C-alpha atoms as a PDB file:
ATOM      1  CA  MET A   1     -17.729 -43.146   7.567  1.00  0.00           C
ATOM      2  CA  THR A   2     -14.028 -43.893   7.108  1.00  0.00           C
ATOM      3  CA  HIS A   3     -11.414 -42.902   9.677  1.00  0.00           C
ATOM      4  CA  ALA A   4      -7.702 -42.924   8.900  1.00  0.00           C
ATOM      5  CA  ILE A   5      -4.448 -41.781  10.450  1.00  0.00           C
ATOM      6  CA  VAL A   6      -1.758 -40.408   8.149  1.00  0.00           C
ATOM      7  CA  LEU A   7       1.822 -40.149   9.401  1.00  0.00           C
ATOM      8  CA  ILE A   8       3.846 -37.550   7.522  1.00  0.00           C
ATOM      9  CA  LYS A   9       7.583 -36.912   7.185  1.00  0.00           C
ATOM     10  CA  ALA A  10       8.419 -33.390   6.083  1.00  0.00           C
ATOM     11  CA  ASP A  11      11.372 -31.615   4.532  1.00  0.00           C
ATOM     12  CA  ARG A  12      12.871 -28.919   6.708  1.00  0.00           C
ATOM     13  CA  THR A  13      11.329 -26.319   4.415  1.00  0.00           C
ATOM     14  CA  GLY A  14       7.834 -27.674   5.078  1.00  0.00           C
ATOM     15  CA  LEU A  15       7.964 -27.775   8.855  1.00  0.00           C
ATOM     16  CA  SER A  16       6.700 -24.238   9.441  1.00  0.00           C
ATOM     17  CA  ASN A  17       3.685 -24.247   7.080  1.00  0.00           C
ATOM     18  CA  LEU A  18       2.659 -27.865   6.740  1.00  0.00           C
ATOM     19  CA  GLY A  19       0.401 -28.053   9.814  1.00  0.00           C
ATOM     20  CA  GLY A  20      -1.847 -25.255   8.566  1.00  0.00           C
ATOM     21  CA  ASP A  21      -1.829 -26.634   5.027  1.00  0.00           C
ATOM     22  CA  LEU A  22      -2.917 -30.052   6.307  1.00  0.00           C
ATOM     23  CA  ALA A  23      -5.702 -28.564   8.432  1.00  0.00           C
ATOM     24  CA  ASP A  24      -7.069 -26.735   5.373  1.00  0.00           C
ATOM     25  CA  ILE A  25      -7.707 -29.977   3.467  1.00  0.00           C
ATOM     26  CA  GLU A  26     -11.318 -31.123   3.447  1.00  0.00           C
ATOM     27  CA  GLY A  27     -11.501 -34.441   5.263  1.00  0.00           C
ATOM     28  CA  VAL A  28      -8.608 -33.680   7.623  1.00  0.00           C
ATOM     29  CA  ALA A  29     -10.321 -33.390  10.999  1.00  0.00           C
ATOM     30  CA  GLU A  30      -7.135 -32.653  12.956  1.00  0.00           C
ATOM     31  CA  ALA A  31      -3.444 -32.190  12.238  1.00  0.00           C
ATOM     32  CA  TYR A  32      -0.692 -32.429  14.847  1.00  0.00           C
ATOM     33  CA  SER A  33       3.009 -31.673  14.778  1.00  0.00           C
ATOM     34  CA  VAL A  34       4.680 -34.461  16.737  1.00  0.00           C
ATOM     35  CA  THR A  35       8.045 -35.643  18.014  1.00  0.00           C
ATOM     36  CA  GLY A  36       9.756 -38.827  16.939  1.00  0.00           C
ATOM     37  CA  GLU A  37      10.231 -40.510  13.598  1.00  0.00           C
ATOM     38  CA  TRP A  38       7.322 -38.666  11.950  1.00  0.00           C
ATOM     39  CA  ASP A  39       6.796 -34.904  11.839  1.00  0.00           C
ATOM     40  CA  PHE A  40       3.006 -34.655  11.526  1.00  0.00           C
ATOM     41  CA  VAL A  41      -0.071 -36.777  12.138  1.00  0.00           C
ATOM     42  CA  ALA A  42      -3.304 -36.082  10.261  1.00  0.00           C
ATOM     43  CA  ILE A  43      -6.592 -37.562  11.452  1.00  0.00           C
ATOM     44  CA  LEU A  44      -8.974 -38.103   8.548  1.00  0.00           C
ATOM     45  CA  ARG A  45     -12.742 -38.464   8.823  1.00  0.00           C
ATOM     46  CA  LEU A  46     -14.251 -39.142   5.430  1.00  0.00           C
ATOM     47  CA  ARG A  47     -17.822 -39.856   4.375  1.00  0.00           C
ATOM     48  CA  ASP A  48     -16.773 -42.552   1.933  1.00  0.00           C
ATOM     49  CA  HIS A  49     -13.684 -44.778   1.706  1.00  0.00           C
ATOM     50  CA  ASN A  50     -13.327 -43.789  -1.952  1.00  0.00           C
ATOM     51  CA  GLN A  51     -12.294 -40.291  -0.776  1.00  0.00           C
ATOM     52  CA  LEU A  52      -9.194 -41.729   0.885  1.00  0.00           C
ATOM     53  CA  LYS A  53      -7.176 -41.893  -2.342  1.00  0.00           C
ATOM     54  CA  ASP A  54      -8.083 -38.329  -3.289  1.00  0.00           C
ATOM     55  CA  VAL A  55      -7.198 -36.910   0.119  1.00  0.00           C
ATOM     56  CA  VAL A  56      -3.967 -38.841   0.733  1.00  0.00           C
ATOM     57  CA  THR A  57      -2.416 -39.164  -2.716  1.00  0.00           C
ATOM     58  CA  GLY A  58      -4.175 -36.266  -4.397  1.00  0.00           C
ATOM     59  CA  ARG A  59      -3.895 -33.638  -1.681  1.00  0.00           C
ATOM     60  CA  ILE A  60      -1.628 -34.511   1.281  1.00  0.00           C
ATOM     61  CA  SER A  61       1.186 -36.112  -0.731  1.00  0.00           C
ATOM     62  CA  GLN A  62       1.199 -33.165  -3.138  1.00  0.00           C
ATOM     63  CA  LEU A  63       1.705 -30.502  -0.457  1.00  0.00           C
ATOM     64  CA  SER A  64       5.002 -28.662  -0.580  1.00  0.00           C
ATOM     65  CA  GLY A  65       7.357 -30.105   2.018  1.00  0.00           C
ATOM     66  CA  VAL A  66       5.804 -33.582   2.268  1.00  0.00           C
ATOM     67  CA  ARG A  67       8.539 -36.188   1.884  1.00  0.00           C
ATOM     68  CA  GLU A  68       6.753 -39.412   2.869  1.00  0.00           C
ATOM     69  CA  THR A  69       3.369 -40.599   4.150  1.00  0.00           C
ATOM     70  CA  HIS A  70       2.140 -43.742   5.871  1.00  0.00           C
ATOM     71  CA  THR A  71      -1.617 -44.313   6.074  1.00  0.00           C
ATOM     72  CA  MET A  72      -3.469 -46.501   8.538  1.00  0.00           C
ATOM     73  CA  VAL A  73      -7.207 -47.081   8.066  1.00  0.00           C
ATOM     74  CA  ALA A  74      -9.213 -47.677  11.217  1.00  0.00           C
ATOM     75  CA  PHE A  75     -11.419 -50.771  11.475  1.00  0.00           C
ATOM     76  CA  GLU A  76     -13.281 -49.441  14.513  1.00  0.00           C
ATOM     77  CA  VAL A  77     -13.282 -46.152  16.357  1.00  0.00           C
ATOM     78  CA  TYR A  78     -13.229 -45.915  20.146  1.00  0.00           C
ATOM     79  CA  SER A  79     -13.552 -42.523  21.761  1.00  0.00           C
ATOM     80  CA  ARG A  80     -14.029 -41.666  25.424  1.00  0.00           C
ATOM     81  CA  HIS A  81     -15.405 -38.297  24.318  1.00  0.00           C
ATOM     82  CA  ASP A  82     -18.134 -39.959  22.231  1.00  0.00           C
ATOM     83  CA  LEU A  83     -19.021 -42.391  25.025  1.00  0.00           C
ATOM     84  CA  GLU A  84     -19.258 -39.602  27.601  1.00  0.00           C
ATOM     85  CA  ALA A  85     -21.495 -37.572  25.291  1.00  0.00           C
ATOM     86  CA  LEU A  86     -23.749 -40.589  24.727  1.00  0.00           C
ATOM     87  CA  PHE A  87     -24.239 -41.272  28.433  1.00  0.00           C
ATOM     88  CA  SER A  88     -24.698 -37.621  29.402  1.00  0.00           C
ATOM     89  CA  ILE A  89     -27.751 -37.047  27.199  1.00  0.00           C
ATOM     90  CA  GLY A  90     -30.404 -35.317  29.238  1.00  0.00           C
ATOM     91  CA  GLY A  91     -28.067 -34.918  32.197  1.00  0.00           C
END
């Protein structure tokens, strides 16, 4: 499985609809509107790393209102939620 974080800058026209549009893309596990230099963060969970190009350049970058993206691919995933679920089996 491939995990990636995509930072997204939006045009003013895209701010109201972009979050829902991002969440509708297959492979986008979560989408957040955020403060700071970037307007949105999309968390991608993909079965295969080859899907990354299709999701980021083929889908996210083509959405109306997307001005710029910056993608970071995760080497390893650490999640307190996953660890808690692992150790609570049968409890």
